[in-house]
Amino acid sequence: MKMGFRLAVFLIFSIASVLMFYLPYLEIKEQTTAKLNEKQMLLAKQTAFGIENFFKEQRNLLLHFATNPNFIDLTDMGKMAITREIENHHDVIRAITVYGTDGVIKYSYPNPEAVIGKDISGQSHVKKILTEHRINVSDVFMAVQGYQAVALSEPIFKGEEFVGVIAFLIDFQHIAKTYLESIQIGESGYAWVISRDGTELYCPVPGHTGVNISETSAKFPALLQMAEEMKAGKSGTTTYMYDMVRDSKTEPITKYAV
């Protein structure tokens, strides 16, 4: 009886000792995770705000072009202004393109001779603006000029008549380098961006950019669930398991994401 009592007391004290050390550990871990997520969320919001302001600035310039008679009628003065804009901001705006209501390119710079007359009406963002006659921002796509771009497009009107579209082809790599590459959280944290259909627009993991997340992360259902929430326009925090390559070895690690 005494032996059983002593054993019970020993077990109680052992469990109490473990809990005494483990519970504060859990609390510290939760506090650390909360601070990490708070930092990550702040960085994410700052980055999104920066990219949004970038597109607002470009839209203001594009709107000036779309409402100026020299660009509407593609006069020599208008073409010269397009040339100057590209030469002064080539690191950001790779091309300026004007096309008609049929989606056929009327003028583009640089290399106008290579693309004038090309029909781009099959591109999804072109179909959208030709139908809705409202500004839009495309997903990343391969431009007919042969590089990855984001098209910021503005409808052109003569009075009340819709007569065409003017578009800036923006180098997405400029956006990535300016707003995303510099983000580093801790030793291994980074930023990545997906499009509305789940295509990874930017990711420092080799082989991911340009591929749909359903392919790159097919083995990680928790990550795919997070991506679905992102595509639905929701925000929040989560954890998921993902493979990390270190010293030629692959091991699963826990990632904290916002």
C-alpha atoms as a PDB file:
ATOM      1  CA  MET A   1       0.000   0.000   0.000  1.00  0.00           C
ATOM      2  CA  LYS A   2       2.812   2.364   1.024  1.00  0.00           C
ATOM      3  CA  MET A   3       4.735   1.458  -2.107  1.00  0.00           C
ATOM      4  CA  GLY A   4       1.694   2.209  -4.276  1.00  0.00           C
ATOM      5  CA  PHE A   5       1.135   5.516  -2.514  1.00  0.00           C
ATOM      6  CA  ARG A   6       4.755   6.514  -2.976  1.00  0.00           C
ATOM      7  CA  LEU A   7       4.618   5.580  -6.652  1.00  0.00           C
ATOM      8  CA  ALA A   8       1.449   7.624  -7.122  1.00  0.00           C
ATOM      9  CA  VAL A   9       3.017  10.629  -5.380  1.00  0.00           C
ATOM     10  CA  PHE A  10       6.163  10.248  -7.488  1.00  0.00           C
ATOM     11  CA  LEU A  11       4.117  10.138 -10.705  1.00  0.00           C
ATOM     12  CA  ILE A  12       2.091  13.180  -9.666  1.00  0.00           C
ATOM     13  CA  PHE A  13       5.220  15.179  -8.894  1.00  0.00           C
ATOM     14  CA  SER A  14       6.863  13.977 -12.132  1.00  0.00           C
ATOM     15  CA  ILE A  15       3.869  15.050 -14.231  1.00  0.00           C
ATOM     16  CA  ALA A  16       3.630  18.353 -12.353  1.00  0.00           C
ATOM     17  CA  SER A  17       7.338  19.005 -12.980  1.00  0.00           C
ATOM     18  CA  VAL A  18       6.985  18.249 -16.685  1.00  0.00           C
ATOM     19  CA  LEU A  19       3.932  20.496 -16.945  1.00  0.00           C
ATOM     20  CA  MET A  20       5.692  23.234 -14.989  1.00  0.00           C
ATOM     21  CA  PHE A  21       8.411  23.385 -17.643  1.00  0.00           C
ATOM     22  CA  TYR A  22       6.282  22.450 -20.690  1.00  0.00           C
ATOM     23  CA  LEU A  23       3.407  24.903 -20.258  1.00  0.00           C
ATOM     24  CA  PRO A  24       5.671  27.989 -20.125  1.00  0.00           C
ATOM     25  CA  TYR A  25       7.466  26.586 -23.203  1.00  0.00           C
ATOM     26  CA  LEU A  26       4.139  26.381 -25.058  1.00  0.00           C
ATOM     27  CA  GLU A  27       3.275  29.912 -24.016  1.00  0.00           C
ATOM     28  CA  ILE A  28       6.648  31.248 -25.178  1.00  0.00           C
ATOM     29  CA  LYS A  29       6.320  29.342 -28.453  1.00  0.00           C
ATOM     30  CA  GLU A  30       2.858  30.808 -29.061  1.00  0.00           C
ATOM     31  CA  GLN A  31       4.103  34.311 -28.279  1.00  0.00           C
ATOM     32  CA  THR A  32       7.099  33.882 -30.605  1.00  0.00           C
ATOM     33  CA  THR A  33       4.885  32.577 -33.410  1.00  0.00           C
ATOM     34  CA  ALA A  34       2.440  35.448 -32.919  1.00  0.00           C
ATOM     35  CA  LYS A  35       5.265  38.005 -33.146  1.00  0.00           C
ATOM     36  CA  LEU A  36       6.659  36.297 -36.263  1.00  0.00           C
ATOM     37  CA  ASN A  37       3.259  36.326 -37.950  1.00  0.00           C
ATOM     38  CA  GLU A  38       2.734  39.941 -36.943  1.00  0.00           C
ATOM     39  CA  LYS A  39       6.035  40.871 -38.603  1.00  0.00           C
ATOM     40  CA  GLN A  40       5.213  38.816 -41.700  1.00  0.00           C
ATOM     41  CA  MET A  41       1.757  40.365 -42.033  1.00  0.00           C
ATOM     42  CA  LEU A  42       3.214  43.862 -41.767  1.00  0.00           C
ATOM     43  CA  LEU A  43       5.738  43.092 -44.506  1.00  0.00           C
ATOM     44  CA  ALA A  44       3.024  41.574 -46.702  1.00  0.00           C
ATOM     45  CA  LYS A  45       0.769  44.619 -46.313  1.00  0.00           C
ATOM     46  CA  GLN A  46       3.639  47.033 -46.985  1.00  0.00           C
ATOM     47  CA  THR A  47       4.600  45.089 -50.111  1.00  0.00           C
ATOM     48  CA  ALA A  48       1.020  44.953 -51.392  1.00  0.00           C
ATOM     49  CA  PHE A  49       0.649  48.693 -50.728  1.00  0.00           C
ATOM     50  CA  GLY A  50       3.867  49.414 -52.623  1.00  0.00           C
ATOM     51  CA  ILE A  51       2.803  47.368 -55.655  1.00  0.00           C
ATOM     52  CA  GLU A  52      -0.664  48.946 -55.621  1.00  0.00           C
ATOM     53  CA  ASN A  53       0.819  52.459 -55.560  1.00  0.00           C
ATOM     54  CA  PHE A  54       3.173  51.513 -58.399  1.00  0.00           C
ATOM     55  CA  PHE A  55       0.215  50.567 -60.585  1.00  0.00           C
ATOM     56  CA  LYS A  56      -1.698  53.704 -59.577  1.00  0.00           C
ATOM     57  CA  GLU A  57       1.210  55.868 -60.747  1.00  0.00           C
ATOM     58  CA  GLN A  58       1.412  53.986 -64.044  1.00  0.00           C
ATOM     59  CA  ARG A  59      -2.357  54.243 -64.478  1.00  0.00           C
ATOM     60  CA  ASN A  60      -2.257  58.045 -64.062  1.00  0.00           C
ATOM     61  CA  LEU A  61       0.334  58.293 -66.843  1.00  0.00           C
ATOM     62  CA  LEU A  62      -1.583  55.850 -69.034  1.00  0.00           C
ATOM     63  CA  LEU A  63      -4.793  57.826 -68.590  1.00  0.00           C
ATOM     64  CA  HIS A  64      -2.975  60.954 -69.806  1.00  0.00           C
ATOM     65  CA  PHE A  65      -1.944  59.077 -72.934  1.00  0.00           C
ATOM     66  CA  ALA A  66      -5.422  57.669 -73.541  1.00  0.00           C
ATOM     67  CA  THR A  67      -7.102  61.103 -73.416  1.00  0.00           C
ATOM     68  CA  ASN A  68      -4.544  63.093 -75.446  1.00  0.00           C
ATOM     69  CA  PRO A  69      -5.516  63.654 -79.122  1.00  0.00           C
ATOM     70  CA  ASN A  70      -1.916  63.014 -80.240  1.00  0.00           C
ATOM     71  CA  PHE A  71      -2.128  59.461 -78.898  1.00  0.00           C
ATOM     72  CA  ILE A  72      -5.727  58.901 -79.922  1.00  0.00           C
ATOM     73  CA  ASP A  73      -4.904  59.787 -83.535  1.00  0.00           C
ATOM     74  CA  LEU A  74      -1.328  58.439 -83.357  1.00  0.00           C
ATOM     75  CA  THR A  75       0.237  61.618 -84.710  1.00  0.00           C
ATOM     76  CA  ASP A  76       3.995  61.927 -85.150  1.00  0.00           C
ATOM     77  CA  MET A  77       4.075  63.936 -81.923  1.00  0.00           C
ATOM     78  CA  GLY A  78       2.242  61.157 -80.113  1.00  0.00           C
ATOM     79  CA  LYS A  79       4.653  58.531 -81.429  1.00  0.00           C
ATOM     80  CA  MET A  80       7.625  60.666 -80.371  1.00  0.00           C
ATOM     81  CA  ALA A  81       6.177  60.962 -76.857  1.00  0.00           C
ATOM     82  CA  ILE A  82       5.775  57.167 -76.694  1.00  0.00           C
ATOM     83  CA  THR A  83       9.402  56.751 -77.774  1.00  0.00           C
ATOM     84  CA  ARG A  84      10.628  59.195 -75.093  1.00  0.00           C
ATOM     85  CA  GLU A  85       8.602  57.452 -72.391  1.00  0.00           C
ATOM     86  CA  ILE A  86      10.101  54.057 -73.245  1.00  0.00           C
ATOM     87  CA  GLU A  87      13.651  55.394 -73.443  1.00  0.00           C
ATOM     88  CA  ASN A  88      13.324  57.145 -70.065  1.00  0.00           C
ATOM     89  CA  HIS A  89      11.655  54.239 -68.235  1.00  0.00           C
ATOM     90  CA  HIS A  90      12.725  51.132 -70.111  1.00  0.00           C
ATOM     91  CA  ASP A  91      13.541  49.318 -66.868  1.00  0.00           C
ATOM     92  CA  VAL A  92       9.842  49.532 -65.937  1.00  0.00           C
ATOM     93  CA  ILE A  93       7.809  49.902 -69.149  1.00  0.00           C
ATOM     94  CA  ARG A  94       9.082  47.519 -71.803  1.00  0.00           C
ATOM     95  CA  ALA A  95       6.651  48.601 -74.517  1.00  0.00           C
ATOM     96  CA  ILE A  96       3.674  50.828 -75.218  1.00  0.00           C
ATOM     97  CA  THR A  97       1.120  49.334 -77.582  1.00  0.00           C
ATOM     98  CA  VAL A  98      -1.982  50.762 -79.233  1.00  0.00           C
ATOM     99  CA  TYR A  99      -4.544  48.442 -80.812  1.00  0.00           C
ATOM    100  CA  GLY A 100      -7.951  48.870 -82.378  1.00  0.00           C
ATOM    101  CA  THR A 101     -11.392  47.564 -81.469  1.00  0.00           C
ATOM    102  CA  ASP A 102     -10.584  44.382 -83.417  1.00  0.00           C
ATOM    103  CA  GLY A 103      -7.519  43.621 -81.285  1.00  0.00           C
ATOM    104  CA  VAL A 104      -5.055  44.296 -84.127  1.00  0.00           C
ATOM    105  CA  ILE A 105      -1.936  46.269 -83.147  1.00  0.00           C
ATOM    106  CA  LYS A 106      -1.858  49.703 -84.784  1.00  0.00           C
ATOM    107  CA  TYR A 107       1.389  50.885 -83.237  1.00  0.00           C
ATOM    108  CA  SER A 108       3.938  49.703 -80.692  1.00  0.00           C
ATOM    109  CA  TYR A 109       7.332  50.820 -79.531  1.00  0.00           C
ATOM    110  CA  PRO A 110      10.043  49.583 -79.527  1.00  0.00           C
ATOM    111  CA  ASN A 111      10.345  47.536 -82.744  1.00  0.00           C
ATOM    112  CA  PRO A 112       7.020  48.622 -84.257  1.00  0.00           C
ATOM    113  CA  GLU A 113       7.780  46.896 -87.551  1.00  0.00           C
ATOM    114  CA  ALA A 114       7.866  43.525 -85.783  1.00  0.00           C
ATOM    115  CA  VAL A 115       4.381  43.690 -84.265  1.00  0.00           C
ATOM    116  CA  ILE A 116       2.199  46.187 -86.180  1.00  0.00           C
ATOM    117  CA  GLY A 117      -0.683  44.272 -87.757  1.00  0.00           C
ATOM    118  CA  LYS A 118      -0.523  41.358 -85.307  1.00  0.00           C
ATOM    119  CA  ASP A 119      -3.871  40.175 -83.967  1.00  0.00           C
ATOM    120  CA  ILE A 120      -3.769  39.856 -80.154  1.00  0.00           C
ATOM    121  CA  SER A 121      -7.537  39.577 -79.672  1.00  0.00           C
ATOM    122  CA  GLY A 122      -7.110  36.019 -78.376  1.00  0.00           C
ATOM    123  CA  GLN A 123      -5.304  37.130 -75.219  1.00  0.00           C
ATOM    124  CA  SER A 124      -7.608  37.013 -72.201  1.00  0.00           C
ATOM    125  CA  HIS A 125      -6.932  40.545 -70.967  1.00  0.00           C
ATOM    126  CA  VAL A 126      -7.467  41.901 -74.496  1.00  0.00           C
ATOM    127  CA  LYS A 127     -10.800  40.096 -74.790  1.00  0.00           C
ATOM    128  CA  LYS A 128     -11.816  41.556 -71.435  1.00  0.00           C
ATOM    129  CA  ILE A 129     -11.120  45.197 -72.239  1.00  0.00           C
ATOM    130  CA  LEU A 130     -12.551  44.935 -75.768  1.00  0.00           C
ATOM    131  CA  THR A 131     -15.778  43.680 -74.195  1.00  0.00           C
ATOM    132  CA  GLU A 132     -15.977  45.806 -71.036  1.00  0.00           C
ATOM    133  CA  HIS A 133     -14.177  48.996 -72.202  1.00  0.00           C
ATOM    134  CA  ARG A 134     -12.683  49.425 -68.711  1.00  0.00           C
ATOM    135  CA  ILE A 135      -9.105  49.559 -67.437  1.00  0.00           C
ATOM    136  CA  ASN A 136      -7.634  46.214 -66.451  1.00  0.00           C
ATOM    137  CA  VAL A 137      -4.408  44.653 -65.248  1.00  0.00           C
ATOM    138  CA  SER A 138      -3.514  41.308 -66.769  1.00  0.00           C
ATOM    139  CA  ASP A 139      -1.886  38.327 -65.154  1.00  0.00           C
ATOM    140  CA  VAL A 140       1.722  37.715 -66.179  1.00  0.00           C
ATOM    141  CA  PHE A 141       1.820  36.535 -69.789  1.00  0.00           C
ATOM    142  CA  MET A 142       4.232  36.062 -72.671  1.00  0.00           C
ATOM    143  CA  ALA A 143       4.001  39.203 -74.834  1.00  0.00           C
ATOM    144  CA  VAL A 144       4.287  38.941 -78.619  1.00  0.00           C
ATOM    145  CA  GLN A 145       7.552  40.835 -78.166  1.00  0.00           C
ATOM    146  CA  GLY A 146       8.915  37.704 -76.481  1.00  0.00           C
ATOM    147  CA  TYR A 147       9.159  38.435 -72.735  1.00  0.00           C
ATOM    148  CA  GLN A 148       7.120  38.007 -69.555  1.00  0.00           C
ATOM    149  CA  ALA A 149       4.991  41.081 -68.921  1.00  0.00           C
ATOM    150  CA  VAL A 150       1.991  42.527 -67.145  1.00  0.00           C
ATOM    151  CA  ALA A 151      -0.318  44.554 -69.387  1.00  0.00           C
ATOM    152  CA  LEU A 152      -1.921  47.642 -67.905  1.00  0.00           C
ATOM    153  CA  SER A 153      -4.583  48.627 -70.433  1.00  0.00           C
ATOM    154  CA  GLU A 154      -6.764  51.715 -70.794  1.00  0.00           C
ATOM    155  CA  PRO A 155      -9.645  52.137 -73.283  1.00  0.00           C
ATOM    156  CA  ILE A 156      -9.473  55.002 -75.788  1.00  0.00           C
ATOM    157  CA  PHE A 157     -12.602  57.001 -76.618  1.00  0.00           C
ATOM    158  CA  LYS A 158     -13.351  59.668 -79.218  1.00  0.00           C
ATOM    159  CA  GLY A 159     -16.194  61.457 -77.551  1.00  0.00           C
ATOM    160  CA  GLU A 160     -18.508  58.603 -76.550  1.00  0.00           C
ATOM    161  CA  GLU A 161     -17.154  56.162 -79.151  1.00  0.00           C
ATOM    162  CA  PHE A 162     -14.768  53.403 -78.100  1.00  0.00           C
ATOM    163  CA  VAL A 163     -11.964  53.384 -80.698  1.00  0.00           C
ATOM    164  CA  GLY A 164      -9.237  51.225 -79.216  1.00  0.00           C
ATOM    165  CA  VAL A 165      -6.851  50.543 -76.351  1.00  0.00           C
ATOM    166  CA  ILE A 166      -3.463  51.775 -75.205  1.00  0.00           C
ATOM    167  CA  ALA A 167      -1.424  49.430 -73.018  1.00  0.00           C
ATOM    168  CA  PHE A 168       1.780  49.565 -71.039  1.00  0.00           C
ATOM    169  CA  LEU A 169       3.693  46.292 -71.030  1.00  0.00           C
ATOM    170  CA  ILE A 170       5.360  46.301 -67.634  1.00  0.00           C
ATOM    171  CA  ASP A 171       8.359  44.123 -66.885  1.00  0.00           C
ATOM    172  CA  PHE A 172       7.220  41.855 -64.054  1.00  0.00           C
ATOM    173  CA  GLN A 173      10.820  41.164 -63.073  1.00  0.00           C
ATOM    174  CA  HIS A 174      11.126  44.852 -62.186  1.00  0.00           C
ATOM    175  CA  ILE A 175       8.221  44.462 -59.753  1.00  0.00           C
ATOM    176  CA  ALA A 176       9.717  41.278 -58.310  1.00  0.00           C
ATOM    177  CA  LYS A 177      13.156  42.810 -57.788  1.00  0.00           C
ATOM    178  CA  THR A 178      11.803  46.059 -56.371  1.00  0.00           C
ATOM    179  CA  TYR A 179       9.185  44.710 -53.990  1.00  0.00           C
ATOM    180  CA  LEU A 180       9.773  40.990 -53.410  1.00  0.00           C
ATOM    181  CA  GLU A 181      13.388  39.855 -53.729  1.00  0.00           C
ATOM    182  CA  SER A 182      14.584  41.898 -50.776  1.00  0.00           C
ATOM    183  CA  ILE A 183      12.092  40.347 -48.331  1.00  0.00           C
ATOM    184  CA  GLN A 184      13.809  37.950 -45.942  1.00  0.00           C
ATOM    185  CA  ILE A 185      12.344  36.780 -42.654  1.00  0.00           C
ATOM    186  CA  GLY A 186      14.781  35.044 -40.345  1.00  0.00           C
ATOM    187  CA  GLU A 187      17.217  32.638 -41.980  1.00  0.00           C
ATOM    188  CA  SER A 188      14.896  31.056 -44.546  1.00  0.00           C
ATOM    189  CA  GLY A 189      11.719  33.147 -44.815  1.00  0.00           C
ATOM    190  CA  TYR A 190      10.771  34.674 -48.160  1.00  0.00           C
ATOM    191  CA  ALA A 191       7.862  36.098 -50.133  1.00  0.00           C
ATOM    192  CA  TRP A 192       6.056  34.467 -53.020  1.00  0.00           C
ATOM    193  CA  VAL A 193       3.130  35.536 -55.198  1.00  0.00           C
ATOM    194  CA  ILE A 194       0.449  33.592 -57.038  1.00  0.00           C
ATOM    195  CA  SER A 195      -1.955  34.801 -59.698  1.00  0.00           C
ATOM    196  CA  ARG A 196      -5.720  34.483 -59.640  1.00  0.00           C
ATOM    197  CA  ASP A 197      -5.503  31.021 -61.223  1.00  0.00           C
ATOM    198  CA  GLY A 198      -2.750  29.777 -58.888  1.00  0.00           C
ATOM    199  CA  THR A 199       0.252  30.313 -61.164  1.00  0.00           C
ATOM    200  CA  GLU A 200       3.345  31.191 -59.160  1.00  0.00           C
ATOM    201  CA  LEU A 201       4.319  34.626 -60.454  1.00  0.00           C
ATOM    202  CA  TYR A 202       7.324  34.917 -58.187  1.00  0.00           C
ATOM    203  CA  CYS A 203       9.033  32.339 -56.006  1.00  0.00           C
ATOM    204  CA  PRO A 204      12.742  32.024 -55.141  1.00  0.00           C
ATOM    205  CA  VAL A 205      12.477  28.211 -55.162  1.00  0.00           C
ATOM    206  CA  PRO A 206      14.039  27.062 -58.480  1.00  0.00           C
ATOM    207  CA  GLY A 207      11.537  25.821 -61.043  1.00  0.00           C
ATOM    208  CA  HIS A 208       8.442  27.286 -59.374  1.00  0.00           C
ATOM    209  CA  THR A 209       7.959  30.641 -61.134  1.00  0.00           C
ATOM    210  CA  GLY A 210       5.526  30.263 -64.027  1.00  0.00           C
ATOM    211  CA  VAL A 211       4.173  26.887 -62.844  1.00  0.00           C
ATOM    212  CA  ASN A 212       0.808  26.386 -61.146  1.00  0.00           C
ATOM    213  CA  ILE A 213       0.950  25.763 -57.409  1.00  0.00           C
ATOM    214  CA  SER A 214      -1.225  22.668 -57.871  1.00  0.00           C
ATOM    215  CA  GLU A 215       1.806  21.133 -59.624  1.00  0.00           C
ATOM    216  CA  THR A 216       4.658  22.496 -57.507  1.00  0.00           C
ATOM    217  CA  SER A 217       2.969  21.641 -54.209  1.00  0.00           C
ATOM    218  CA  ALA A 218       0.811  18.634 -55.063  1.00  0.00           C
ATOM    219  CA  LYS A 219       2.225  16.697 -52.076  1.00  0.00           C
ATOM    220  CA  PHE A 220       1.289  19.378 -49.552  1.00  0.00           C
ATOM    221  CA  PRO A 221      -2.499  19.642 -49.102  1.00  0.00           C
ATOM    222  CA  ALA A 222      -2.246  22.218 -46.279  1.00  0.00           C
ATOM    223  CA  LEU A 223      -0.342  24.573 -48.587  1.00  0.00           C
ATOM    224  CA  LEU A 224      -2.865  24.030 -51.384  1.00  0.00           C
ATOM    225  CA  GLN A 225      -5.670  24.858 -48.948  1.00  0.00           C
ATOM    226  CA  MET A 226      -3.892  28.101 -48.063  1.00  0.00           C
ATOM    227  CA  ALA A 227      -3.550  28.916 -51.764  1.00  0.00           C
ATOM    228  CA  GLU A 228      -7.290  28.410 -52.258  1.00  0.00           C
ATOM    229  CA  GLU A 229      -7.948  30.888 -49.444  1.00  0.00           C
ATOM    230  CA  MET A 230      -5.556  33.368 -51.070  1.00  0.00           C
ATOM    231  CA  LYS A 231      -7.224  32.994 -54.474  1.00  0.00           C
ATOM    232  CA  ALA A 232     -10.574  33.668 -52.788  1.00  0.00           C
ATOM    233  CA  GLY A 233      -9.219  37.008 -51.545  1.00  0.00           C
ATOM    234  CA  LYS A 234      -8.992  36.005 -47.895  1.00  0.00           C
ATOM    235  CA  SER A 235      -6.189  36.716 -45.427  1.00  0.00           C
ATOM    236  CA  GLY A 236      -4.918  35.098 -42.263  1.00  0.00           C
ATOM    237  CA  THR A 237      -2.182  32.904 -40.775  1.00  0.00           C
ATOM    238  CA  THR A 238      -1.419  29.219 -41.056  1.00  0.00           C
ATOM    239  CA  THR A 239       1.274  26.557 -40.712  1.00  0.00           C
ATOM    240  CA  TYR A 240       2.099  23.788 -43.146  1.00  0.00           C
ATOM    241  CA  MET A 241       4.765  21.177 -43.798  1.00  0.00           C
ATOM    242  CA  TYR A 242       7.064  21.593 -46.774  1.00  0.00           C
ATOM    243  CA  ASP A 243      10.244  19.983 -48.054  1.00  0.00           C
ATOM    244  CA  MET A 244      13.509  21.846 -47.602  1.00  0.00           C
ATOM    245  CA  VAL A 245      16.704  20.866 -49.403  1.00  0.00           C
ATOM    246  CA  ARG A 246      19.805  21.154 -47.220  1.00  0.00           C
ATOM    247  CA  ASP A 247      23.233  19.626 -47.924  1.00  0.00           C
ATOM    248  CA  SER A 248      21.775  17.487 -50.740  1.00  0.00           C
ATOM    249  CA  LYS A 249      19.157  16.117 -48.334  1.00  0.00           C
ATOM    250  CA  THR A 250      15.427  16.760 -48.367  1.00  0.00           C
ATOM    251  CA  GLU A 251      13.656  17.045 -45.046  1.00  0.00           C
ATOM    252  CA  PRO A 252      10.140  18.195 -44.080  1.00  0.00           C
ATOM    253  CA  ILE A 253       9.958  21.376 -41.993  1.00  0.00           C
ATOM    254  CA  THR A 254       7.149  23.439 -40.513  1.00  0.00           C
ATOM    255  CA  LYS A 255       6.527  26.775 -42.220  1.00  0.00           C
ATOM    256  CA  TYR A 256       4.659  29.706 -40.736  1.00  0.00           C
ATOM    257  CA  ALA A 257       2.819  31.765 -43.316  1.00  0.00           C
ATOM    258  CA  VAL A 258       0.561  34.766 -43.612  1.00  0.00           C
END
